[in-house]
Amino acid sequence: MVDSDLKKHGYADGNYWNTCPTCGGTYQGDKRARRCKGCAMSADRIGELEADNADLRKLLSDIDAVTIWEAGGTVPDRSMQDRIDAALEVKGKD
């Protein structure tokens, strides 16, 4: 993990002793740091997981649209058709 990722989530190296409001632990860091290094790393990982989760929700939504369409639902527009085609490719790989 690079320093810019840690700074984005509230941690930077430094010589000040601070108390992390997230975990309550004492840590050494920049005087403007908002949390300890461990909590900043966790926040970065949570951000990654949320992004992955959003991608998964979109894919599941596309697969649901395919299921409705296959069951005789309304005919999708062109952009929906492209998403359905992409979802079918992924669904076919399983």
C-alpha atoms as a PDB file:
ATOM      1  CA  MET A   1       0.000   0.000   0.000  1.00  0.00           C
ATOM      2  CA  VAL A   2       1.399   3.383  -0.942  1.00  0.00           C
ATOM      3  CA  ASP A   3       1.489   6.444   1.294  1.00  0.00           C
ATOM      4  CA  SER A   4      -1.076   8.291  -0.855  1.00  0.00           C
ATOM      5  CA  ASP A   5      -3.626   5.533  -0.134  1.00  0.00           C
ATOM      6  CA  LEU A   6      -2.979   5.851   3.590  1.00  0.00           C
ATOM      7  CA  LYS A   7      -3.214   9.653   3.455  1.00  0.00           C
ATOM      8  CA  LYS A   8      -6.508   9.384   1.596  1.00  0.00           C
ATOM      9  CA  HIS A   9      -7.824   7.366   4.542  1.00  0.00           C
ATOM     10  CA  GLY A  10      -6.441   9.595   7.279  1.00  0.00           C
ATOM     11  CA  TYR A  11      -2.930   8.405   8.128  1.00  0.00           C
ATOM     12  CA  ALA A  12       0.520   9.872   7.485  1.00  0.00           C
ATOM     13  CA  ASP A  13       3.879   9.171   9.139  1.00  0.00           C
ATOM     14  CA  GLY A  14       5.044  11.660  11.710  1.00  0.00           C
ATOM     15  CA  ASN A  15       6.374  12.170  15.236  1.00  0.00           C
ATOM     16  CA  TYR A  16       3.190  13.072  17.112  1.00  0.00           C
ATOM     17  CA  TRP A  17       1.373  10.732  19.459  1.00  0.00           C
ATOM     18  CA  ASN A  18      -2.328  10.626  18.731  1.00  0.00           C
ATOM     19  CA  THR A  19      -5.372   8.633  19.785  1.00  0.00           C
ATOM     20  CA  CYS A  20      -7.241   6.944  16.960  1.00  0.00           C
ATOM     21  CA  PRO A  21     -10.972   7.770  17.103  1.00  0.00           C
ATOM     22  CA  THR A  22     -11.749   4.610  15.129  1.00  0.00           C
ATOM     23  CA  CYS A  23     -10.142   1.978  17.377  1.00  0.00           C
ATOM     24  CA  GLY A  24      -9.173   4.050  20.439  1.00  0.00           C
ATOM     25  CA  GLY A  25      -5.516   3.026  20.230  1.00  0.00           C
ATOM     26  CA  THR A  26      -2.519   5.320  20.610  1.00  0.00           C
ATOM     27  CA  TYR A  27      -0.292   5.723  17.562  1.00  0.00           C
ATOM     28  CA  GLN A  28       2.598   7.807  16.272  1.00  0.00           C
ATOM     29  CA  GLY A  29       1.852   9.782  13.132  1.00  0.00           C
ATOM     30  CA  ASP A  30       1.476  13.192  11.544  1.00  0.00           C
ATOM     31  CA  LYS A  31      -0.184  15.788  13.764  1.00  0.00           C
ATOM     32  CA  ARG A  32      -3.029  16.062  11.230  1.00  0.00           C
ATOM     33  CA  ALA A  33      -3.538  12.279  10.909  1.00  0.00           C
ATOM     34  CA  ARG A  34      -7.151  11.298  11.616  1.00  0.00           C
ATOM     35  CA  ARG A  35      -6.579   7.606  12.394  1.00  0.00           C
ATOM     36  CA  CYS A  36      -3.876   5.013  12.976  1.00  0.00           C
ATOM     37  CA  LYS A  37      -2.155   3.163  10.147  1.00  0.00           C
ATOM     38  CA  GLY A  38      -4.080  -0.075  10.800  1.00  0.00           C
ATOM     39  CA  CYS A  39      -7.464   1.651  10.640  1.00  0.00           C
ATOM     40  CA  ALA A  40      -6.406   3.565   7.498  1.00  0.00           C
ATOM     41  CA  MET A  41      -5.413   0.263   5.865  1.00  0.00           C
ATOM     42  CA  SER A  42      -8.766  -1.245   6.883  1.00  0.00           C
ATOM     43  CA  ALA A  43     -10.633   1.760   5.474  1.00  0.00           C
ATOM     44  CA  ASP A  44      -8.781   1.345   2.173  1.00  0.00           C
ATOM     45  CA  ARG A  45      -9.676  -2.347   2.008  1.00  0.00           C
ATOM     46  CA  ILE A  46     -13.325  -1.589   2.866  1.00  0.00           C
ATOM     47  CA  GLY A  47     -13.377   0.922   0.003  1.00  0.00           C
ATOM     48  CA  GLU A  48     -12.055  -1.757  -2.372  1.00  0.00           C
ATOM     49  CA  LEU A  49     -14.668  -4.246  -1.177  1.00  0.00           C
ATOM     50  CA  GLU A  50     -17.470  -1.705  -1.588  1.00  0.00           C
ATOM     51  CA  ALA A  51     -16.356  -1.071  -5.175  1.00  0.00           C
ATOM     52  CA  ASP A  52     -16.256  -4.822  -5.839  1.00  0.00           C
ATOM     53  CA  ASN A  53     -19.694  -5.145  -4.253  1.00  0.00           C
ATOM     54  CA  ALA A  54     -21.105  -2.410  -6.498  1.00  0.00           C
ATOM     55  CA  ASP A  55     -19.760  -4.247  -9.564  1.00  0.00           C
ATOM     56  CA  LEU A  56     -21.307  -7.487  -8.327  1.00  0.00           C
ATOM     57  CA  ARG A  57     -24.682  -5.814  -7.690  1.00  0.00           C
ATOM     58  CA  LYS A  58     -24.658  -4.441 -11.248  1.00  0.00           C
ATOM     59  CA  LEU A  59     -23.846  -7.873 -12.655  1.00  0.00           C
ATOM     60  CA  LEU A  60     -26.624  -9.488 -10.598  1.00  0.00           C
ATOM     61  CA  SER A  61     -29.030  -6.818 -11.790  1.00  0.00           C
ATOM     62  CA  ASP A  62     -28.046  -7.597 -15.378  1.00  0.00           C
ATOM     63  CA  ILE A  63     -28.542 -11.323 -14.798  1.00  0.00           C
ATOM     64  CA  ASP A  64     -31.977 -10.604 -13.274  1.00  0.00           C
ATOM     65  CA  ALA A  65     -32.832  -8.583 -16.398  1.00  0.00           C
ATOM     66  CA  VAL A  66     -31.773 -11.540 -18.548  1.00  0.00           C
ATOM     67  CA  THR A  67     -33.961 -13.888 -16.513  1.00  0.00           C
ATOM     68  CA  ILE A  68     -36.988 -11.588 -16.880  1.00  0.00           C
ATOM     69  CA  TRP A  69     -36.318 -11.176 -20.604  1.00  0.00           C
ATOM     70  CA  GLU A  70     -35.912 -14.934 -21.118  1.00  0.00           C
ATOM     71  CA  ALA A  71     -39.211 -15.491 -19.299  1.00  0.00           C
ATOM     72  CA  GLY A  72     -41.053 -13.316 -21.802  1.00  0.00           C
ATOM     73  CA  GLY A  73     -40.724  -9.896 -20.177  1.00  0.00           C
ATOM     74  CA  THR A  74     -40.491  -6.709 -22.192  1.00  0.00           C
ATOM     75  CA  VAL A  75     -37.980  -6.481 -25.007  1.00  0.00           C
ATOM     76  CA  PRO A  76     -34.980  -4.456 -23.836  1.00  0.00           C
ATOM     77  CA  ASP A  77     -33.616  -1.382 -25.583  1.00  0.00           C
ATOM     78  CA  ARG A  78     -30.189  -1.466 -27.290  1.00  0.00           C
ATOM     79  CA  SER A  79     -28.135  -0.516 -24.205  1.00  0.00           C
ATOM     80  CA  MET A  80     -30.005  -3.107 -22.153  1.00  0.00           C
ATOM     81  CA  GLN A  81     -29.427  -5.663 -24.901  1.00  0.00           C
ATOM     82  CA  ASP A  82     -25.686  -4.986 -24.719  1.00  0.00           C
ATOM     83  CA  ARG A  83     -25.765  -5.494 -20.941  1.00  0.00           C
ATOM     84  CA  ILE A  84     -27.784  -8.691 -21.372  1.00  0.00           C
ATOM     85  CA  ASP A  85     -25.301 -10.021 -23.906  1.00  0.00           C
ATOM     86  CA  ALA A  86     -22.416  -9.285 -21.522  1.00  0.00           C
ATOM     87  CA  ALA A  87     -24.264 -10.903 -18.617  1.00  0.00           C
ATOM     88  CA  LEU A  88     -25.002 -14.010 -20.705  1.00  0.00           C
ATOM     89  CA  GLU A  89     -21.299 -14.327 -21.518  1.00  0.00           C
ATOM     90  CA  VAL A  90     -20.466 -14.270 -17.805  1.00  0.00           C
ATOM     91  CA  LYS A  91     -23.390 -16.557 -16.962  1.00  0.00           C
ATOM     92  CA  GLY A  92     -22.291 -19.009 -19.665  1.00  0.00           C
ATOM     93  CA  LYS A  93     -18.792 -19.246 -18.189  1.00  0.00           C
ATOM     94  CA  ASP A  94     -20.121 -20.534 -14.861  1.00  0.00           C
END
